[in-house]
Amino acid sequence: MSDEILVRHCAPTLAGLKTANMFNCEYDSEKEMREDLRELNRRLSSKGVMAVPLKYNGKTCLVYIVRIRNLEADLLDDTTLRILKDQGYSDLRPGCLIARLSRRLSGDDFPHEIGLFLGYPPEDVKGFIEKRECKLSGYWRVYSDVSSAKAKFDKFSKCFRIYLEQLEKGRALEQLTVGFAG
């Protein structure tokens, strides 16, 4: 996968503004996919960013780019924990949660809790699950705090623009990826 693909889909996560992003990437083989993600992890793990294959169908892989520390922090929220438990997540360690999400993605039912893995506000994930009326749609569907969501949407859009500009100017992915504090 090219650095441009990663920046186009994950700039806010690379910048440390968002817990995670996910996107589909084409691969000729499972071996190629695993080697590509292994190399990406080698490049970004020191910055606190990890690439995980969530679902592979022989042609495309749903790639999950995550800041595990951010996911751990997100799990401190009571609404998040309640939603996850209601959806059958019993082991709340990040690796186990991601493995369970991967299994759910392979099933017949769409895992509506997926927004929690992307750092979406728990109240918005809850609103999506409960099929409430959406107040705003952007990077995710908003069911609660519209003004906060608009501010984040603006931040994310600016981040995508700046990261793509910097990549075009020759900045390396490792330079663009913000490290985590101590």
C-alpha atoms as a PDB file:
ATOM      1  CA  MET A   1       0.000   0.000   0.000  1.00  0.00           C
ATOM      2  CA  SER A   2       1.285   3.424  -0.820  1.00  0.00           C
ATOM      3  CA  ASP A   3       1.838   6.150   1.734  1.00  0.00           C
ATOM      4  CA  GLU A   4      -0.681   8.236  -0.207  1.00  0.00           C
ATOM      5  CA  ILE A   5      -3.427   5.638   0.318  1.00  0.00           C
ATOM      6  CA  LEU A   6      -2.666   5.577   4.018  1.00  0.00           C
ATOM      7  CA  VAL A   7      -2.719   9.373   4.326  1.00  0.00           C
ATOM      8  CA  ARG A   8      -5.920   9.657   2.245  1.00  0.00           C
ATOM      9  CA  HIS A   9      -7.717   7.294   4.624  1.00  0.00           C
ATOM     10  CA  CYS A  10      -5.986   7.791   7.974  1.00  0.00           C
ATOM     11  CA  ALA A  11      -4.507  11.285   8.342  1.00  0.00           C
ATOM     12  CA  PRO A  12      -6.411  12.109  11.578  1.00  0.00           C
ATOM     13  CA  THR A  13      -5.205   8.875  13.178  1.00  0.00           C
ATOM     14  CA  LEU A  14      -1.632   9.486  12.011  1.00  0.00           C
ATOM     15  CA  ALA A  15      -1.887  13.002  13.464  1.00  0.00           C
ATOM     16  CA  GLY A  16      -3.111  11.667  16.809  1.00  0.00           C
ATOM     17  CA  LEU A  17      -6.512  13.375  16.453  1.00  0.00           C
ATOM     18  CA  LYS A  18      -8.505  10.153  16.178  1.00  0.00           C
ATOM     19  CA  THR A  19      -8.333   6.666  17.670  1.00  0.00           C
ATOM     20  CA  ALA A  20      -8.470   4.784  14.387  1.00  0.00           C
ATOM     21  CA  ASN A  21      -9.502   4.561  10.761  1.00  0.00           C
ATOM     22  CA  MET A  22     -10.231   1.619   8.521  1.00  0.00           C
ATOM     23  CA  PHE A  23     -10.303   1.156   4.777  1.00  0.00           C
ATOM     24  CA  ASN A  24     -10.222  -1.545   2.110  1.00  0.00           C
ATOM     25  CA  CYS A  25      -6.978  -2.207   0.279  1.00  0.00           C
ATOM     26  CA  GLU A  26      -6.476  -4.559  -2.667  1.00  0.00           C
ATOM     27  CA  TYR A  27      -3.854  -7.307  -2.498  1.00  0.00           C
ATOM     28  CA  ASP A  28      -2.878 -10.026  -4.953  1.00  0.00           C
ATOM     29  CA  SER A  29      -2.380 -12.559  -2.167  1.00  0.00           C
ATOM     30  CA  GLU A  30      -2.640 -13.047   1.572  1.00  0.00           C
ATOM     31  CA  LYS A  31       1.152 -13.268   1.710  1.00  0.00           C
ATOM     32  CA  GLU A  32       1.474  -9.833   0.067  1.00  0.00           C
ATOM     33  CA  MET A  33      -1.077  -8.377   2.497  1.00  0.00           C
ATOM     34  CA  ARG A  34       0.691  -9.786   5.559  1.00  0.00           C
ATOM     35  CA  GLU A  35       4.114  -8.600   4.365  1.00  0.00           C
ATOM     36  CA  ASP A  36       2.736  -5.135   3.606  1.00  0.00           C
ATOM     37  CA  LEU A  37       1.108  -4.756   7.026  1.00  0.00           C
ATOM     38  CA  ARG A  38       4.185  -6.167   8.776  1.00  0.00           C
ATOM     39  CA  GLU A  39       6.331  -3.526   7.042  1.00  0.00           C
ATOM     40  CA  LEU A  40       3.845  -0.787   7.916  1.00  0.00           C
ATOM     41  CA  ASN A  41       3.910  -1.881  11.560  1.00  0.00           C
ATOM     42  CA  ARG A  42       7.705  -1.837  11.492  1.00  0.00           C
ATOM     43  CA  ARG A  43       7.592   1.759  10.248  1.00  0.00           C
ATOM     44  CA  LEU A  44       4.906   3.095  12.583  1.00  0.00           C
ATOM     45  CA  SER A  45       4.876   1.045  15.786  1.00  0.00           C
ATOM     46  CA  SER A  46       7.383   3.339  17.507  1.00  0.00           C
ATOM     47  CA  LYS A  47       4.838   6.135  17.012  1.00  0.00           C
ATOM     48  CA  GLY A  48       2.083   4.138  18.709  1.00  0.00           C
ATOM     49  CA  VAL A  49       0.272   3.241  15.481  1.00  0.00           C
ATOM     50  CA  MET A  50      -0.612  -0.314  14.512  1.00  0.00           C
ATOM     51  CA  ALA A  51      -2.037  -1.845  11.316  1.00  0.00           C
ATOM     52  CA  VAL A  52      -4.351  -4.838  11.743  1.00  0.00           C
ATOM     53  CA  PRO A  53      -6.071  -6.909   9.056  1.00  0.00           C
ATOM     54  CA  LEU A  54      -9.725  -7.132  10.138  1.00  0.00           C
ATOM     55  CA  LYS A  55     -11.139  -9.041   7.191  1.00  0.00           C
ATOM     56  CA  TYR A  56      -9.518 -10.528   4.107  1.00  0.00           C
ATOM     57  CA  ASN A  57     -11.549 -12.038   1.269  1.00  0.00           C
ATOM     58  CA  GLY A  58      -8.792 -13.098  -1.122  1.00  0.00           C
ATOM     59  CA  LYS A  59      -8.803  -9.788  -3.012  1.00  0.00           C
ATOM     60  CA  THR A  60      -9.214  -7.006  -0.483  1.00  0.00           C
ATOM     61  CA  CYS A  61      -8.360  -6.515   3.137  1.00  0.00           C
ATOM     62  CA  LEU A  62     -10.188  -4.294   5.579  1.00  0.00           C
ATOM     63  CA  VAL A  63      -7.191  -2.615   7.210  1.00  0.00           C
ATOM     64  CA  TYR A  64      -7.563  -1.151  10.698  1.00  0.00           C
ATOM     65  CA  ILE A  65      -5.070   1.585  11.577  1.00  0.00           C
ATOM     66  CA  VAL A  66      -5.262   2.147  15.330  1.00  0.00           C
ATOM     67  CA  ARG A  67      -3.602   3.917  18.209  1.00  0.00           C
ATOM     68  CA  ILE A  68      -3.989   1.263  20.907  1.00  0.00           C
ATOM     69  CA  ARG A  69      -3.398   3.788  23.719  1.00  0.00           C
ATOM     70  CA  ASN A  70      -6.292   5.874  22.411  1.00  0.00           C
ATOM     71  CA  LEU A  71      -8.490   2.778  22.208  1.00  0.00           C
ATOM     72  CA  GLU A  72      -7.575   1.923  25.800  1.00  0.00           C
ATOM     73  CA  ALA A  73      -8.535   5.463  26.869  1.00  0.00           C
ATOM     74  CA  ASP A  74     -11.838   5.205  24.963  1.00  0.00           C
ATOM     75  CA  LEU A  75     -12.609   2.046  26.948  1.00  0.00           C
ATOM     76  CA  LEU A  76     -12.757   4.047  30.174  1.00  0.00           C
ATOM     77  CA  ASP A  77     -16.146   5.426  29.139  1.00  0.00           C
ATOM     78  CA  ASP A  78     -19.149   3.749  30.812  1.00  0.00           C
ATOM     79  CA  THR A  79     -21.388   4.045  27.722  1.00  0.00           C
ATOM     80  CA  THR A  80     -18.680   2.437  25.574  1.00  0.00           C
ATOM     81  CA  LEU A  81     -18.317  -0.470  27.998  1.00  0.00           C
ATOM     82  CA  ARG A  82     -22.082  -0.964  28.214  1.00  0.00           C
ATOM     83  CA  ILE A  83     -22.459  -1.040  24.413  1.00  0.00           C
ATOM     84  CA  LEU A  84     -19.593  -3.507  24.017  1.00  0.00           C
ATOM     85  CA  LYS A  85     -20.970  -5.809  26.723  1.00  0.00           C
ATOM     86  CA  ASP A  86     -24.461  -5.607  25.161  1.00  0.00           C
ATOM     87  CA  GLN A  87     -22.912  -6.662  21.830  1.00  0.00           C
ATOM     88  CA  GLY A  88     -21.260  -9.731  23.373  1.00  0.00           C
ATOM     89  CA  TYR A  89     -17.750  -8.467  24.085  1.00  0.00           C
ATOM     90  CA  SER A  90     -16.655 -10.061  27.339  1.00  0.00           C
ATOM     91  CA  ASP A  91     -12.857  -9.667  27.324  1.00  0.00           C
ATOM     92  CA  LEU A  92     -12.245  -5.932  27.209  1.00  0.00           C
ATOM     93  CA  ARG A  93      -8.523  -6.018  26.492  1.00  0.00           C
ATOM     94  CA  PRO A  94      -7.858  -4.155  23.212  1.00  0.00           C
ATOM     95  CA  GLY A  95      -6.396  -7.159  21.381  1.00  0.00           C
ATOM     96  CA  CYS A  96      -9.336  -9.351  22.363  1.00  0.00           C
ATOM     97  CA  LEU A  97     -11.825  -6.642  21.386  1.00  0.00           C
ATOM     98  CA  ILE A  98     -10.223  -6.265  17.954  1.00  0.00           C
ATOM     99  CA  ALA A  99     -10.196 -10.047  17.452  1.00  0.00           C
ATOM    100  CA  ARG A 100     -13.905 -10.213  18.371  1.00  0.00           C
ATOM    101  CA  LEU A 101     -14.692  -7.336  15.990  1.00  0.00           C
ATOM    102  CA  SER A 102     -12.848  -9.191  13.232  1.00  0.00           C
ATOM    103  CA  ARG A 103     -14.958 -12.306  13.866  1.00  0.00           C
ATOM    104  CA  ARG A 104     -18.147 -10.198  13.871  1.00  0.00           C
ATOM    105  CA  LEU A 105     -17.177  -8.682  10.515  1.00  0.00           C
ATOM    106  CA  SER A 106     -17.021 -12.191   9.077  1.00  0.00           C
ATOM    107  CA  GLY A 107     -20.570 -12.954  10.185  1.00  0.00           C
ATOM    108  CA  ASP A 108     -23.967 -12.128   8.761  1.00  0.00           C
ATOM    109  CA  ASP A 109     -24.794  -9.205  11.064  1.00  0.00           C
ATOM    110  CA  PHE A 110     -23.036  -5.868  10.669  1.00  0.00           C
ATOM    111  CA  PRO A 111     -21.298  -4.889  13.932  1.00  0.00           C
ATOM    112  CA  HIS A 112     -22.948  -1.520  14.582  1.00  0.00           C
ATOM    113  CA  GLU A 113     -20.579  -0.975  17.500  1.00  0.00           C
ATOM    114  CA  ILE A 114     -17.732  -0.546  14.999  1.00  0.00           C
ATOM    115  CA  GLY A 115     -17.778   3.220  15.582  1.00  0.00           C
ATOM    116  CA  LEU A 116     -16.422   2.659  19.081  1.00  0.00           C
ATOM    117  CA  PHE A 117     -13.300   1.146  17.501  1.00  0.00           C
ATOM    118  CA  LEU A 118     -12.882   4.298  15.400  1.00  0.00           C
ATOM    119  CA  GLY A 119     -13.143   6.757  18.267  1.00  0.00           C
ATOM    120  CA  TYR A 120     -16.643   7.982  17.506  1.00  0.00           C
ATOM    121  CA  PRO A 121     -18.539   9.420  20.472  1.00  0.00           C
ATOM    122  CA  PRO A 122     -20.295   6.589  22.347  1.00  0.00           C
ATOM    123  CA  GLU A 123     -23.589   8.517  22.382  1.00  0.00           C
ATOM    124  CA  ASP A 124     -23.483   8.671  18.576  1.00  0.00           C
ATOM    125  CA  VAL A 125     -22.745   4.947  18.317  1.00  0.00           C
ATOM    126  CA  LYS A 126     -25.636   4.297  20.693  1.00  0.00           C
ATOM    127  CA  GLY A 127     -27.909   6.514  18.559  1.00  0.00           C
ATOM    128  CA  PHE A 128     -26.882   4.582  15.434  1.00  0.00           C
ATOM    129  CA  ILE A 129     -27.593   1.232  17.102  1.00  0.00           C
ATOM    130  CA  GLU A 130     -30.967   2.458  18.360  1.00  0.00           C
ATOM    131  CA  LYS A 131     -31.801   3.841  14.889  1.00  0.00           C
ATOM    132  CA  ARG A 132     -32.546   7.311  16.246  1.00  0.00           C
ATOM    133  CA  GLU A 133     -32.942  10.304  13.965  1.00  0.00           C
ATOM    134  CA  CYS A 134     -29.553  11.532  12.786  1.00  0.00           C
ATOM    135  CA  LYS A 135     -28.860  15.226  13.462  1.00  0.00           C
ATOM    136  CA  LEU A 136     -25.795  15.537  11.212  1.00  0.00           C
ATOM    137  CA  SER A 137     -23.823  13.338   8.855  1.00  0.00           C
ATOM    138  CA  GLY A 138     -20.128  13.770   8.111  1.00  0.00           C
ATOM    139  CA  TYR A 139     -17.221  11.527   9.064  1.00  0.00           C
ATOM    140  CA  TRP A 140     -19.819   9.660  11.110  1.00  0.00           C
ATOM    141  CA  ARG A 141     -23.532  10.036  11.862  1.00  0.00           C
ATOM    142  CA  VAL A 142     -24.138  12.410  14.753  1.00  0.00           C
ATOM    143  CA  TYR A 143     -26.965  11.822  17.208  1.00  0.00           C
ATOM    144  CA  SER A 144     -25.803  13.941  20.155  1.00  0.00           C
ATOM    145  CA  ASP A 145     -23.401  16.914  20.234  1.00  0.00           C
ATOM    146  CA  VAL A 146     -23.631  18.537  16.801  1.00  0.00           C
ATOM    147  CA  SER A 147     -21.344  21.508  17.527  1.00  0.00           C
ATOM    148  CA  SER A 148     -18.552  19.282  18.851  1.00  0.00           C
ATOM    149  CA  ALA A 149     -18.910  16.956  15.868  1.00  0.00           C
ATOM    150  CA  LYS A 150     -18.784  19.876  13.400  1.00  0.00           C
ATOM    151  CA  ALA A 151     -15.574  21.106  15.032  1.00  0.00           C
ATOM    152  CA  LYS A 152     -14.041  17.632  14.732  1.00  0.00           C
ATOM    153  CA  PHE A 153     -15.182  17.290  11.123  1.00  0.00           C
ATOM    154  CA  ASP A 154     -13.480  20.613  10.317  1.00  0.00           C
ATOM    155  CA  LYS A 155     -10.307  19.506  12.106  1.00  0.00           C
ATOM    156  CA  PHE A 156     -10.261  16.191  10.253  1.00  0.00           C
ATOM    157  CA  SER A 157     -10.809  17.869   6.860  1.00  0.00           C
ATOM    158  CA  LYS A 158      -7.973  20.309   7.533  1.00  0.00           C
ATOM    159  CA  CYS A 159      -5.758  17.440   8.660  1.00  0.00           C
ATOM    160  CA  PHE A 160      -6.391  15.458   5.468  1.00  0.00           C
ATOM    161  CA  ARG A 161      -5.576  18.527   3.364  1.00  0.00           C
ATOM    162  CA  ILE A 162      -2.359  19.372   5.236  1.00  0.00           C
ATOM    163  CA  TYR A 163      -1.109  15.777   5.317  1.00  0.00           C
ATOM    164  CA  LEU A 164      -1.668  15.313   1.589  1.00  0.00           C
ATOM    165  CA  GLU A 165       0.128  18.604   0.888  1.00  0.00           C
ATOM    166  CA  GLN A 166       3.048  17.562   3.093  1.00  0.00           C
ATOM    167  CA  LEU A 167       3.234  14.135   1.464  1.00  0.00           C
ATOM    168  CA  GLU A 168       3.328  15.795  -1.975  1.00  0.00           C
ATOM    169  CA  LYS A 169       6.215  17.982  -0.735  1.00  0.00           C
ATOM    170  CA  GLY A 170       8.186  14.844   0.075  1.00  0.00           C
ATOM    171  CA  ARG A 171       7.610  14.406   3.810  1.00  0.00           C
ATOM    172  CA  ALA A 172       7.923  10.764   4.815  1.00  0.00           C
ATOM    173  CA  LEU A 173       5.065   8.907   6.454  1.00  0.00           C
ATOM    174  CA  GLU A 174       7.209   8.451   9.561  1.00  0.00           C
ATOM    175  CA  GLN A 175       7.662  12.235   9.745  1.00  0.00           C
ATOM    176  CA  LEU A 176       3.951  12.850   9.352  1.00  0.00           C
ATOM    177  CA  THR A 177       2.986  10.351  12.043  1.00  0.00           C
ATOM    178  CA  VAL A 178       2.831  11.934  15.475  1.00  0.00           C
ATOM    179  CA  GLY A 179       4.401   9.893  18.258  1.00  0.00           C
ATOM    180  CA  PHE A 180       2.797   9.317  21.617  1.00  0.00           C
ATOM    181  CA  ALA A 181       3.952  10.943  24.828  1.00  0.00           C
ATOM    182  CA  GLY A 182       6.102   8.817  27.125  1.00  0.00           C
END
